[in-house]
Amino acid sequence: MKVSNLLSMLLVKASLSISNCSEASCHCNPIIQIGTESSFNTEKKHIVTVTSHLQVDQVKQIFENVSSVLLDNQDVRFQNLLKLLDLDSKPTDCQDLQLLGSATSGVNKIFPTGTSGFLVRCDHETDDGGWTVFQRRTDGKEDFYRGWFDYQVGFGNLDGEFWLGNQQLHMITSQGWYELRVDMILINGSRVFAKYNVFEVKGIDEYYRIFVDGYSGTAGDSFGNAIHSGYKFSTHDRDNDVYEPGNCAQLYHGAWWYNKCHSSNLNGLYGSTEYAKGLTWVTSTGAYQSVYGTEMKVRRWLHKKK
C-alpha cells in the first residue's frame, strides 16, 4: 500500500466521521476518531509495512502533519500510532511488544526509560493482552517470606512463581499512566479478578509507596481502598507500616503495602488457611478469602509527556 493511499484512507475515515454528525443531533466525539479499535490494529500493520521502506523521519513528519489537521493532540490511540513509527525505539513494556507485533505470551525483554533492559513475563491473552506481569503464585514452591533487598530487586522464576522487583515496577509505572489487574483462583476453584484504572509505584525514596484507584471486577475492592493505597512497602526486616504495636509483615508472614495491617496479603504464606494469614483477599462481603493462585499485572494506557 502506498503512503498516499494510506493517508487518503485515513482522511476518508475522518471525513465520514464528520459527515455523520449534524448540528441538531450529533453525538460524535469532538475529537475525530480514526476507525474502530480493530480497524486501528489492522491499519497499524499496514503502516509498519510501509515504513519499512521509508525513512523514519519522513513518515513521522507526514503523520505529524496529518495529526495537526485531523486530531486533538490528546487522542490516545494516535499518540500510540506515532510512537509506533519510531522504528528504532525499544519496547518499554509488554504493550509496546504487542503494538510492534510480538503478541506471544511468555518471557520477553523490555527497556523502560533510562534502563538497559530486563526480562519480564507478558500476558497477551487476558483482557486484550499487553499486560506486564510483576507477581505470580501457582504452587507454593517459591519462598515469598523474604527481606527488603529481595523484594527490591526481584526473585523467582519468570516461568513459575516470582516477584519482578519493586525497583523494576517503579521504573515501569513511572513512564506512563498504568492500570492494574489482579487475577486470582480461590481455594474453592473459582476465578475472580480486580481491576484498577490507576496504579503507580513510587521510588525508593518513598519506600515504594503505591497509589491505586478506580476499582472494577468480581473479587471485591481489597487493594485500592484506603487500607493499602498511599502506603509504603514493608518486609519482615523493614517495617514501614503504621501499626505501632508491631510489624505487619512479621505478623502475617508476608511483604506488602501494609497499613495496620491489611485487607489483602497476596505475598503471604502459601497454603495457610489461618484467619487473615496466607494468601488472602477480603471479598465484597467483608470475609477473608483464601487464594490458591495469583497474577498481578500492569498495562499502560497513556504515556507521560517528557
C-alpha atoms as a PDB file:
ATOM      1  CA  MET A   1       0.000   0.000   0.000  1.00  0.00           C
ATOM      2  CA  LYS A   2       1.416   3.433  -0.972  1.00  0.00           C
ATOM      3  CA  VAL A   3       1.691   6.133   1.663  1.00  0.00           C
ATOM      4  CA  SER A   4      -0.572   8.393  -0.390  1.00  0.00           C
ATOM      5  CA  ASN A   5      -3.261   5.699  -0.448  1.00  0.00           C
ATOM      6  CA  LEU A   6      -2.913   5.132   3.283  1.00  0.00           C
ATOM      7  CA  LEU A   7      -3.245   8.835   4.034  1.00  0.00           C
ATOM      8  CA  SER A   8      -6.253   9.049   1.733  1.00  0.00           C
ATOM      9  CA  MET A   9      -7.869   6.196   3.627  1.00  0.00           C
ATOM     10  CA  LEU A  10      -7.311   7.970   6.955  1.00  0.00           C
ATOM     11  CA  LEU A  11      -8.694  11.235   5.561  1.00  0.00           C
ATOM     12  CA  VAL A  12     -11.788   9.494   4.190  1.00  0.00           C
ATOM     13  CA  LYS A  13     -12.459   7.832   7.540  1.00  0.00           C
ATOM     14  CA  ALA A  14     -12.097  11.156   9.319  1.00  0.00           C
ATOM     15  CA  SER A  15     -14.387  12.964   6.867  1.00  0.00           C
ATOM     16  CA  LEU A  16     -17.001  10.226   7.210  1.00  0.00           C
ATOM     17  CA  SER A  17     -16.932  10.697  10.986  1.00  0.00           C
ATOM     18  CA  ILE A  18     -17.650  14.395  10.493  1.00  0.00           C
ATOM     19  CA  SER A  19     -20.317  13.889   7.828  1.00  0.00           C
ATOM     20  CA  ASN A  20     -22.271  11.528  10.070  1.00  0.00           C
ATOM     21  CA  CYS A  21     -22.828  14.362  12.547  1.00  0.00           C
ATOM     22  CA  SER A  22     -25.486  17.040  12.270  1.00  0.00           C
ATOM     23  CA  GLU A  23     -25.702  20.209  14.318  1.00  0.00           C
ATOM     24  CA  ALA A  24     -29.057  19.189  15.771  1.00  0.00           C
ATOM     25  CA  SER A  25     -28.396  15.578  16.728  1.00  0.00           C
ATOM     26  CA  CYS A  26     -24.666  14.919  16.735  1.00  0.00           C
ATOM     27  CA  HIS A  27     -23.402  12.584  19.445  1.00  0.00           C
ATOM     28  CA  CYS A  28     -19.938  12.198  17.931  1.00  0.00           C
ATOM     29  CA  ASN A  29     -16.800  12.783  19.910  1.00  0.00           C
ATOM     30  CA  PRO A  30     -15.464  16.261  19.031  1.00  0.00           C
ATOM     31  CA  ILE A  31     -12.060  14.566  18.717  1.00  0.00           C
ATOM     32  CA  ILE A  32     -12.104  12.886  15.327  1.00  0.00           C
ATOM     33  CA  GLN A  33     -11.883   9.102  15.736  1.00  0.00           C
ATOM     34  CA  ILE A  34      -9.986   7.263  13.026  1.00  0.00           C
ATOM     35  CA  GLY A  35     -11.779   3.935  12.762  1.00  0.00           C
ATOM     36  CA  THR A  36     -12.587   1.379  15.419  1.00  0.00           C
ATOM     37  CA  GLU A  37     -10.026  -0.315  17.643  1.00  0.00           C
ATOM     38  CA  SER A  38      -9.979  -3.392  15.402  1.00  0.00           C
ATOM     39  CA  SER A  39      -9.510  -1.340  12.249  1.00  0.00           C
ATOM     40  CA  PHE A  40      -6.834   0.672  14.034  1.00  0.00           C
ATOM     41  CA  ASN A  41      -4.883  -2.521  14.672  1.00  0.00           C
ATOM     42  CA  THR A  42      -5.243  -3.537  11.003  1.00  0.00           C
ATOM     43  CA  GLU A  43      -4.099  -0.129   9.755  1.00  0.00           C
ATOM     44  CA  LYS A  44      -1.170  -0.246  12.187  1.00  0.00           C
ATOM     45  CA  LYS A  45       0.108  -3.421  10.498  1.00  0.00           C
ATOM     46  CA  HIS A  46      -0.088  -1.714   7.081  1.00  0.00           C
ATOM     47  CA  ILE A  47       1.789   1.265   8.479  1.00  0.00           C
ATOM     48  CA  VAL A  48       4.615  -0.914   9.802  1.00  0.00           C
ATOM     49  CA  THR A  49       4.955  -2.491   6.341  1.00  0.00           C
ATOM     50  CA  VAL A  50       5.022   0.879   4.602  1.00  0.00           C
ATOM     51  CA  THR A  51       7.513   2.450   6.984  1.00  0.00           C
ATOM     52  CA  SER A  52       9.990  -0.372   6.475  1.00  0.00           C
ATOM     53  CA  HIS A  53      10.643   1.096   3.004  1.00  0.00           C
ATOM     54  CA  LEU A  54      10.842   4.754   4.003  1.00  0.00           C
ATOM     55  CA  GLN A  55      12.954   6.993   6.154  1.00  0.00           C
ATOM     56  CA  VAL A  56      11.569   7.111   9.704  1.00  0.00           C
ATOM     57  CA  ASP A  57      11.797  10.908   9.877  1.00  0.00           C
ATOM     58  CA  GLN A  58       9.818  11.272   6.627  1.00  0.00           C
ATOM     59  CA  VAL A  59       6.986   9.053   7.806  1.00  0.00           C
ATOM     60  CA  LYS A  60       6.830  10.680  11.223  1.00  0.00           C
ATOM     61  CA  GLN A  61       6.641  14.125   9.599  1.00  0.00           C
ATOM     62  CA  ILE A  62       3.795  13.002   7.328  1.00  0.00           C
ATOM     63  CA  PHE A  63       1.716  11.760  10.221  1.00  0.00           C
ATOM     64  CA  GLU A  64       2.530  14.716  12.437  1.00  0.00           C
ATOM     65  CA  ASN A  65       1.224  16.966   9.649  1.00  0.00           C
ATOM     66  CA  VAL A  66      -1.950  14.892   9.373  1.00  0.00           C
ATOM     67  CA  SER A  67      -2.420  14.887  13.136  1.00  0.00           C
ATOM     68  CA  SER A  68      -2.208  18.681  13.311  1.00  0.00           C
ATOM     69  CA  VAL A  69      -5.157  18.924  10.910  1.00  0.00           C
ATOM     70  CA  LEU A  70      -7.294  15.981  11.993  1.00  0.00           C
ATOM     71  CA  LEU A  71      -6.733  15.231  15.642  1.00  0.00           C
ATOM     72  CA  ASP A  72      -6.587  16.775  19.058  1.00  0.00           C
ATOM     73  CA  ASN A  73      -3.143  16.046  20.485  1.00  0.00           C
ATOM     74  CA  GLN A  74      -4.719  14.154  23.380  1.00  0.00           C
ATOM     75  CA  ASP A  75      -6.053  11.333  21.183  1.00  0.00           C
ATOM     76  CA  VAL A  76      -4.511   8.344  22.953  1.00  0.00           C
ATOM     77  CA  ARG A  77      -4.647   5.953  20.022  1.00  0.00           C
ATOM     78  CA  PHE A  78      -2.936   8.385  17.663  1.00  0.00           C
ATOM     79  CA  GLN A  79      -0.189   9.007  20.213  1.00  0.00           C
ATOM     80  CA  ASN A  80       0.424   5.268  20.292  1.00  0.00           C
ATOM     81  CA  LEU A  81       0.479   5.178  16.491  1.00  0.00           C
ATOM     82  CA  LEU A  82       3.060   7.976  16.282  1.00  0.00           C
ATOM     83  CA  LYS A  83       5.178   6.204  18.884  1.00  0.00           C
ATOM     84  CA  LEU A  84       4.989   3.038  16.803  1.00  0.00           C
ATOM     85  CA  LEU A  85       6.561   4.868  13.860  1.00  0.00           C
ATOM     86  CA  ASP A  86       9.770   5.319  15.828  1.00  0.00           C
ATOM     87  CA  LEU A  87      11.112   2.031  14.496  1.00  0.00           C
ATOM     88  CA  ASP A  88      14.473   2.434  16.226  1.00  0.00           C
ATOM     89  CA  SER A  89      12.923   2.615  19.693  1.00  0.00           C
ATOM     90  CA  LYS A  90      12.900  -0.365  22.034  1.00  0.00           C
ATOM     91  CA  PRO A  91       9.773  -1.705  23.784  1.00  0.00           C
ATOM     92  CA  THR A  92       9.309  -0.123  27.202  1.00  0.00           C
ATOM     93  CA  ASP A  93       6.732  -2.665  28.379  1.00  0.00           C
ATOM     94  CA  CYS A  94       4.650  -5.594  27.152  1.00  0.00           C
ATOM     95  CA  GLN A  95       2.110  -3.322  25.494  1.00  0.00           C
ATOM     96  CA  ASP A  96       4.857  -1.930  23.262  1.00  0.00           C
ATOM     97  CA  LEU A  97       5.774  -5.505  22.322  1.00  0.00           C
ATOM     98  CA  GLN A  98       2.152  -6.151  21.397  1.00  0.00           C
ATOM     99  CA  LEU A  99       1.946  -2.983  19.280  1.00  0.00           C
ATOM    100  CA  LEU A 100       5.134  -3.986  17.481  1.00  0.00           C
ATOM    101  CA  GLY A 101       3.682  -7.374  16.563  1.00  0.00           C
ATOM    102  CA  SER A 102       5.083  -9.609  19.320  1.00  0.00           C
ATOM    103  CA  ALA A 103       1.855 -10.937  20.797  1.00  0.00           C
ATOM    104  CA  THR A 104       3.009 -14.261  22.239  1.00  0.00           C
ATOM    105  CA  SER A 105       2.641 -14.631  25.994  1.00  0.00           C
ATOM    106  CA  GLY A 106       5.806 -15.557  27.856  1.00  0.00           C
ATOM    107  CA  VAL A 107       9.219 -14.146  28.732  1.00  0.00           C
ATOM    108  CA  ASN A 108      10.445 -11.094  26.792  1.00  0.00           C
ATOM    109  CA  LYS A 109      12.927  -8.273  27.295  1.00  0.00           C
ATOM    110  CA  ILE A 110      11.720  -4.706  27.769  1.00  0.00           C
ATOM    111  CA  PHE A 111      13.597  -1.411  28.068  1.00  0.00           C
ATOM    112  CA  PRO A 112      11.848   1.041  30.403  1.00  0.00           C
ATOM    113  CA  THR A 113      13.033   4.624  30.069  1.00  0.00           C
ATOM    114  CA  GLY A 114      16.578   5.102  31.339  1.00  0.00           C
ATOM    115  CA  THR A 115      17.359   1.388  31.740  1.00  0.00           C
ATOM    116  CA  SER A 116      19.478  -1.149  29.856  1.00  0.00           C
ATOM    117  CA  GLY A 117      16.525  -3.527  29.859  1.00  0.00           C
ATOM    118  CA  PHE A 118      15.421  -6.588  31.811  1.00  0.00           C
ATOM    119  CA  LEU A 119      13.325  -9.714  31.319  1.00  0.00           C
ATOM    120  CA  VAL A 120       9.619  -9.782  32.164  1.00  0.00           C
ATOM    121  CA  ARG A 121       6.656 -12.064  31.655  1.00  0.00           C
ATOM    122  CA  CYS A 122       3.987 -10.813  29.243  1.00  0.00           C
ATOM    123  CA  ASP A 123       0.321 -11.803  29.165  1.00  0.00           C
ATOM    124  CA  HIS A 124      -1.174 -11.206  25.720  1.00  0.00           C
ATOM    125  CA  GLU A 125      -4.256 -13.362  26.275  1.00  0.00           C
ATOM    126  CA  THR A 126      -6.147 -11.827  29.202  1.00  0.00           C
ATOM    127  CA  ASP A 127      -8.426  -8.845  28.575  1.00  0.00           C
ATOM    128  CA  ASP A 128      -6.961  -7.919  25.134  1.00  0.00           C
ATOM    129  CA  GLY A 129      -3.366  -8.528  26.233  1.00  0.00           C
ATOM    130  CA  GLY A 130      -0.470  -6.119  26.627  1.00  0.00           C
ATOM    131  CA  TRP A 131      -0.002  -6.907  30.333  1.00  0.00           C
ATOM    132  CA  THR A 132       3.382  -6.873  32.101  1.00  0.00           C
ATOM    133  CA  VAL A 133       3.206  -9.414  34.942  1.00  0.00           C
ATOM    134  CA  PHE A 134       5.011  -8.489  38.174  1.00  0.00           C
ATOM    135  CA  GLN A 135       3.755 -11.150  40.594  1.00  0.00           C
ATOM    136  CA  ARG A 136       2.793 -14.785  40.056  1.00  0.00           C
ATOM    137  CA  ARG A 137       1.966 -17.551  42.520  1.00  0.00           C
ATOM    138  CA  THR A 138       0.866 -21.001  41.398  1.00  0.00           C
ATOM    139  CA  ASP A 139       2.156 -23.827  43.586  1.00  0.00           C
ATOM    140  CA  GLY A 140       3.982 -22.572  46.683  1.00  0.00           C
ATOM    141  CA  LYS A 141       7.441 -23.695  45.531  1.00  0.00           C
ATOM    142  CA  GLU A 142       8.950 -20.215  45.806  1.00  0.00           C
ATOM    143  CA  ASP A 143       9.572 -18.692  49.243  1.00  0.00           C
ATOM    144  CA  PHE A 144       7.897 -15.262  49.416  1.00  0.00           C
ATOM    145  CA  TYR A 145       8.800 -14.565  53.051  1.00  0.00           C
ATOM    146  CA  ARG A 146      11.855 -12.555  52.081  1.00  0.00           C
ATOM    147  CA  GLY A 147      13.617  -9.382  53.111  1.00  0.00           C
ATOM    148  CA  TRP A 148      13.686  -5.863  51.716  1.00  0.00           C
ATOM    149  CA  PHE A 149      16.541  -6.349  49.256  1.00  0.00           C
ATOM    150  CA  ASP A 150      14.977  -9.411  47.604  1.00  0.00           C
ATOM    151  CA  TYR A 151      11.708  -7.560  47.065  1.00  0.00           C
ATOM    152  CA  GLN A 152      13.576  -4.533  45.770  1.00  0.00           C
ATOM    153  CA  VAL A 153      15.477  -6.408  43.036  1.00  0.00           C
ATOM    154  CA  GLY A 154      13.074  -9.310  42.464  1.00  0.00           C
ATOM    155  CA  PHE A 155      13.281 -13.077  42.807  1.00  0.00           C
ATOM    156  CA  GLY A 156      11.902 -16.350  41.472  1.00  0.00           C
ATOM    157  CA  ASN A 157      11.439 -17.868  38.021  1.00  0.00           C
ATOM    158  CA  LEU A 158       9.549 -15.993  35.292  1.00  0.00           C
ATOM    159  CA  ASP A 159       8.198 -19.333  34.054  1.00  0.00           C
ATOM    160  CA  GLY A 160       6.962 -20.187  37.543  1.00  0.00           C
ATOM    161  CA  GLU A 161       6.474 -18.131  40.687  1.00  0.00           C
ATOM    162  CA  PHE A 162       8.162 -14.738  41.007  1.00  0.00           C
ATOM    163  CA  TRP A 163       8.204 -11.136  42.183  1.00  0.00           C
ATOM    164  CA  LEU A 164       9.555  -8.862  39.441  1.00  0.00           C
ATOM    165  CA  GLY A 165      11.062  -6.331  41.846  1.00  0.00           C
ATOM    166  CA  ASN A 166       9.871  -3.070  43.394  1.00  0.00           C
ATOM    167  CA  GLN A 167      12.528  -1.049  41.595  1.00  0.00           C
ATOM    168  CA  GLN A 168      11.576  -2.549  38.231  1.00  0.00           C
ATOM    169  CA  LEU A 169       7.906  -1.941  38.985  1.00  0.00           C
ATOM    170  CA  HIS A 170       8.655   1.691  39.794  1.00  0.00           C
ATOM    171  CA  MET A 171      10.639   2.148  36.554  1.00  0.00           C
ATOM    172  CA  ILE A 172       7.761   0.707  34.523  1.00  0.00           C
ATOM    173  CA  THR A 173       4.879   2.612  36.118  1.00  0.00           C
ATOM    174  CA  SER A 174       6.746   5.939  36.273  1.00  0.00           C
ATOM    175  CA  GLN A 175       6.922   6.211  32.464  1.00  0.00           C
ATOM    176  CA  GLY A 176       3.170   6.457  31.884  1.00  0.00           C
ATOM    177  CA  TRP A 177      -0.326   6.037  33.266  1.00  0.00           C
ATOM    178  CA  TYR A 178      -0.912   2.377  34.099  1.00  0.00           C
ATOM    179  CA  GLU A 179      -3.831   0.184  35.085  1.00  0.00           C
ATOM    180  CA  LEU A 180      -3.585  -2.860  37.341  1.00  0.00           C
ATOM    181  CA  ARG A 181      -5.265  -6.242  37.038  1.00  0.00           C
ATOM    182  CA  VAL A 182      -5.189  -8.906  39.765  1.00  0.00           C
ATOM    183  CA  ASP A 183      -6.307 -12.378  38.665  1.00  0.00           C
ATOM    184  CA  MET A 184      -6.990 -14.901  41.422  1.00  0.00           C
ATOM    185  CA  ILE A 185      -8.003 -18.528  41.782  1.00  0.00           C
ATOM    186  CA  LEU A 186      -9.761 -19.015  45.100  1.00  0.00           C
ATOM    187  CA  ILE A 187      -9.312 -22.058  47.292  1.00  0.00           C
ATOM    188  CA  ASN A 188     -12.704 -23.356  46.067  1.00  0.00           C
ATOM    189  CA  GLY A 189     -11.510 -23.229  42.437  1.00  0.00           C
ATOM    190  CA  SER A 190     -13.495 -20.180  41.330  1.00  0.00           C
ATOM    191  CA  ARG A 191     -11.754 -17.430  39.368  1.00  0.00           C
ATOM    192  CA  VAL A 192     -12.161 -13.754  40.216  1.00  0.00           C
ATOM    193  CA  PHE A 193     -10.369 -10.548  39.294  1.00  0.00           C
ATOM    194  CA  ALA A 194      -9.909  -6.986  40.456  1.00  0.00           C
ATOM    195  CA  LYS A 195      -9.029  -4.211  38.038  1.00  0.00           C
ATOM    196  CA  TYR A 196      -7.899  -0.669  38.854  1.00  0.00           C
ATOM    197  CA  ASN A 197      -7.719   2.227  36.411  1.00  0.00           C
ATOM    198  CA  VAL A 198      -4.810   3.870  38.221  1.00  0.00           C
ATOM    199  CA  PHE A 199      -1.700   2.156  39.598  1.00  0.00           C
ATOM    200  CA  GLU A 200       1.622   3.787  40.414  1.00  0.00           C
ATOM    201  CA  VAL A 201       4.629   2.696  42.461  1.00  0.00           C
ATOM    202  CA  LYS A 202       6.853   5.471  43.784  1.00  0.00           C
ATOM    203  CA  GLY A 203      10.638   5.190  44.097  1.00  0.00           C
ATOM    204  CA  ILE A 204      12.996   4.005  46.812  1.00  0.00           C
ATOM    205  CA  ASP A 205      12.983   7.465  48.448  1.00  0.00           C
ATOM    206  CA  GLU A 206       9.293   6.893  49.270  1.00  0.00           C
ATOM    207  CA  TYR A 207       9.758   3.208  50.130  1.00  0.00           C
ATOM    208  CA  TYR A 208       7.841   2.168  47.008  1.00  0.00           C
ATOM    209  CA  ARG A 209       4.596   3.747  48.144  1.00  0.00           C
ATOM    210  CA  ILE A 210       1.625   2.849  45.910  1.00  0.00           C
ATOM    211  CA  PHE A 211      -1.399   4.713  44.617  1.00  0.00           C
ATOM    212  CA  VAL A 212      -4.348   2.639  43.426  1.00  0.00           C
ATOM    213  CA  ASP A 213      -7.815   3.774  42.365  1.00  0.00           C
ATOM    214  CA  GLY A 214     -10.770   3.053  40.089  1.00  0.00           C
ATOM    215  CA  TYR A 215     -11.890  -0.469  41.015  1.00  0.00           C
ATOM    216  CA  SER A 216     -13.977  -2.799  38.856  1.00  0.00           C
ATOM    217  CA  GLY A 217     -14.244  -6.578  38.766  1.00  0.00           C
ATOM    218  CA  THR A 218     -15.626  -9.615  40.578  1.00  0.00           C
ATOM    219  CA  ALA A 219     -13.274 -10.020  43.546  1.00  0.00           C
ATOM    220  CA  GLY A 220     -14.218  -7.002  45.647  1.00  0.00           C
ATOM    221  CA  ASP A 221     -12.045  -3.953  46.306  1.00  0.00           C
ATOM    222  CA  SER A 222      -9.409  -5.057  48.810  1.00  0.00           C
ATOM    223  CA  PHE A 223      -6.434  -3.164  47.445  1.00  0.00           C
ATOM    224  CA  GLY A 224      -7.363   0.263  46.115  1.00  0.00           C
ATOM    225  CA  ASN A 225      -9.271   1.312  49.188  1.00  0.00           C
ATOM    226  CA  ALA A 226      -7.661   3.495  51.862  1.00  0.00           C
ATOM    227  CA  ILE A 227      -6.283   0.424  53.637  1.00  0.00           C
ATOM    228  CA  HIS A 228      -3.497  -0.013  51.062  1.00  0.00           C
ATOM    229  CA  SER A 229      -3.432   2.887  48.596  1.00  0.00           C
ATOM    230  CA  GLY A 230      -0.976   5.555  49.695  1.00  0.00           C
ATOM    231  CA  TYR A 231       1.081   3.261  51.925  1.00  0.00           C
ATOM    232  CA  LYS A 232       4.704   2.115  51.838  1.00  0.00           C
ATOM    233  CA  PHE A 233       6.047  -1.369  51.199  1.00  0.00           C
ATOM    234  CA  SER A 234       7.079  -3.407  54.247  1.00  0.00           C
ATOM    235  CA  THR A 235       9.026  -6.625  54.766  1.00  0.00           C
ATOM    236  CA  HIS A 236       9.939  -8.599  57.874  1.00  0.00           C
ATOM    237  CA  ASP A 237      13.246  -6.687  58.102  1.00  0.00           C
ATOM    238  CA  ARG A 238      11.949  -3.228  57.065  1.00  0.00           C
ATOM    239  CA  ASP A 239       8.889  -2.049  58.987  1.00  0.00           C
ATOM    240  CA  ASN A 240       7.264   0.818  57.068  1.00  0.00           C
ATOM    241  CA  ASP A 241       3.654   0.241  58.124  1.00  0.00           C
ATOM    242  CA  VAL A 242       1.716   2.412  60.595  1.00  0.00           C
ATOM    243  CA  TYR A 243       0.879  -0.365  63.041  1.00  0.00           C
ATOM    244  CA  GLU A 244       2.675   0.808  66.191  1.00  0.00           C
ATOM    245  CA  PRO A 245       2.418  -2.413  68.259  1.00  0.00           C
ATOM    246  CA  GLY A 246       4.381  -4.455  65.727  1.00  0.00           C
ATOM    247  CA  ASN A 247       5.484  -5.328  62.181  1.00  0.00           C
ATOM    248  CA  CYS A 248       2.617  -6.392  59.914  1.00  0.00           C
ATOM    249  CA  ALA A 249       4.957  -8.350  57.629  1.00  0.00           C
ATOM    250  CA  GLN A 250       6.101 -10.449  60.575  1.00  0.00           C
ATOM    251  CA  LEU A 251       2.601 -10.854  61.994  1.00  0.00           C
ATOM    252  CA  TYR A 252       1.130 -12.020  58.677  1.00  0.00           C
ATOM    253  CA  HIS A 253       4.167 -13.772  57.208  1.00  0.00           C
ATOM    254  CA  GLY A 254       4.346 -11.637  54.086  1.00  0.00           C
ATOM    255  CA  ALA A 255       5.592  -8.487  52.378  1.00  0.00           C
ATOM    256  CA  TRP A 256       3.091  -5.889  51.239  1.00  0.00           C
ATOM    257  CA  TRP A 257       1.858  -2.312  51.307  1.00  0.00           C
ATOM    258  CA  TYR A 258       0.548  -2.694  54.847  1.00  0.00           C
ATOM    259  CA  ASN A 259      -1.398  -0.148  56.798  1.00  0.00           C
ATOM    260  CA  LYS A 260      -2.489  -1.639  60.135  1.00  0.00           C
ATOM    261  CA  CYS A 261      -2.474  -4.221  58.726  1.00  0.00           C
ATOM    262  CA  HIS A 262      -4.309  -5.455  55.587  1.00  0.00           C
ATOM    263  CA  SER A 263      -7.374  -6.417  53.602  1.00  0.00           C
ATOM    264  CA  SER A 264      -5.230  -8.260  51.035  1.00  0.00           C
ATOM    265  CA  ASN A 265      -1.988 -10.171  51.514  1.00  0.00           C
ATOM    266  CA  LEU A 266      -1.042 -11.868  48.248  1.00  0.00           C
ATOM    267  CA  ASN A 267       2.607 -12.368  49.226  1.00  0.00           C
ATOM    268  CA  GLY A 268       1.629 -14.252  52.371  1.00  0.00           C
ATOM    269  CA  LEU A 269       2.316 -17.865  53.348  1.00  0.00           C
ATOM    270  CA  TYR A 270       1.121 -20.170  50.565  1.00  0.00           C
ATOM    271  CA  GLY A 271      -1.462 -22.747  51.622  1.00  0.00           C
ATOM    272  CA  SER A 272      -2.224 -21.245  55.029  1.00  0.00           C
ATOM    273  CA  THR A 273      -5.926 -21.054  55.896  1.00  0.00           C
ATOM    274  CA  GLU A 274      -5.397 -19.353  59.252  1.00  0.00           C
ATOM    275  CA  TYR A 275      -7.558 -16.251  59.615  1.00  0.00           C
ATOM    276  CA  ALA A 276      -6.042 -13.223  57.784  1.00  0.00           C
ATOM    277  CA  LYS A 277      -2.798 -15.103  57.129  1.00  0.00           C
ATOM    278  CA  GLY A 278      -1.571 -16.772  53.973  1.00  0.00           C
ATOM    279  CA  LEU A 279      -2.707 -15.547  50.553  1.00  0.00           C
ATOM    280  CA  THR A 280      -5.859 -13.629  51.382  1.00  0.00           C
ATOM    281  CA  TRP A 281      -8.258 -11.162  49.796  1.00  0.00           C
ATOM    282  CA  VAL A 282     -11.265  -9.643  51.521  1.00  0.00           C
ATOM    283  CA  THR A 283     -14.366 -10.184  49.387  1.00  0.00           C
ATOM    284  CA  SER A 284     -17.225  -7.741  48.902  1.00  0.00           C
ATOM    285  CA  THR A 285     -18.974  -9.408  51.875  1.00  0.00           C
ATOM    286  CA  GLY A 286     -16.098  -8.457  54.181  1.00  0.00           C
ATOM    287  CA  ALA A 287     -14.829 -12.016  54.670  1.00  0.00           C
ATOM    288  CA  TYR A 288     -11.204 -13.090  54.245  1.00  0.00           C
ATOM    289  CA  GLN A 289     -10.998 -15.461  51.283  1.00  0.00           C
ATOM    290  CA  SER A 290      -8.065 -17.867  50.893  1.00  0.00           C
ATOM    291  CA  VAL A 291      -6.393 -17.624  47.490  1.00  0.00           C
ATOM    292  CA  TYR A 292      -4.781 -20.537  45.654  1.00  0.00           C
ATOM    293  CA  GLY A 293      -3.186 -18.749  42.692  1.00  0.00           C
ATOM    294  CA  THR A 294      -2.475 -15.139  41.718  1.00  0.00           C
ATOM    295  CA  GLU A 295      -1.164 -12.968  38.909  1.00  0.00           C
ATOM    296  CA  MET A 296      -0.666  -9.234  39.281  1.00  0.00           C
ATOM    297  CA  LYS A 297      -0.035  -7.299  36.080  1.00  0.00           C
ATOM    298  CA  VAL A 298       0.054  -3.752  34.708  1.00  0.00           C
ATOM    299  CA  ARG A 299      -0.772  -2.211  31.339  1.00  0.00           C
ATOM    300  CA  ARG A 300      -0.109   1.317  30.082  1.00  0.00           C
ATOM    301  CA  TRP A 301      -2.995   3.365  28.773  1.00  0.00           C
ATOM    302  CA  LEU A 302      -1.127   6.642  28.196  1.00  0.00           C
ATOM    303  CA  HIS A 303       2.499   7.741  28.024  1.00  0.00           C
ATOM    304  CA  LYS A 304       3.548  10.644  30.215  1.00  0.00           C
ATOM    305  CA  LYS A 305       4.910  13.599  28.283  1.00  0.00           C
ATOM    306  CA  LYS A 306       8.671  14.000  28.542  1.00  0.00           C
END
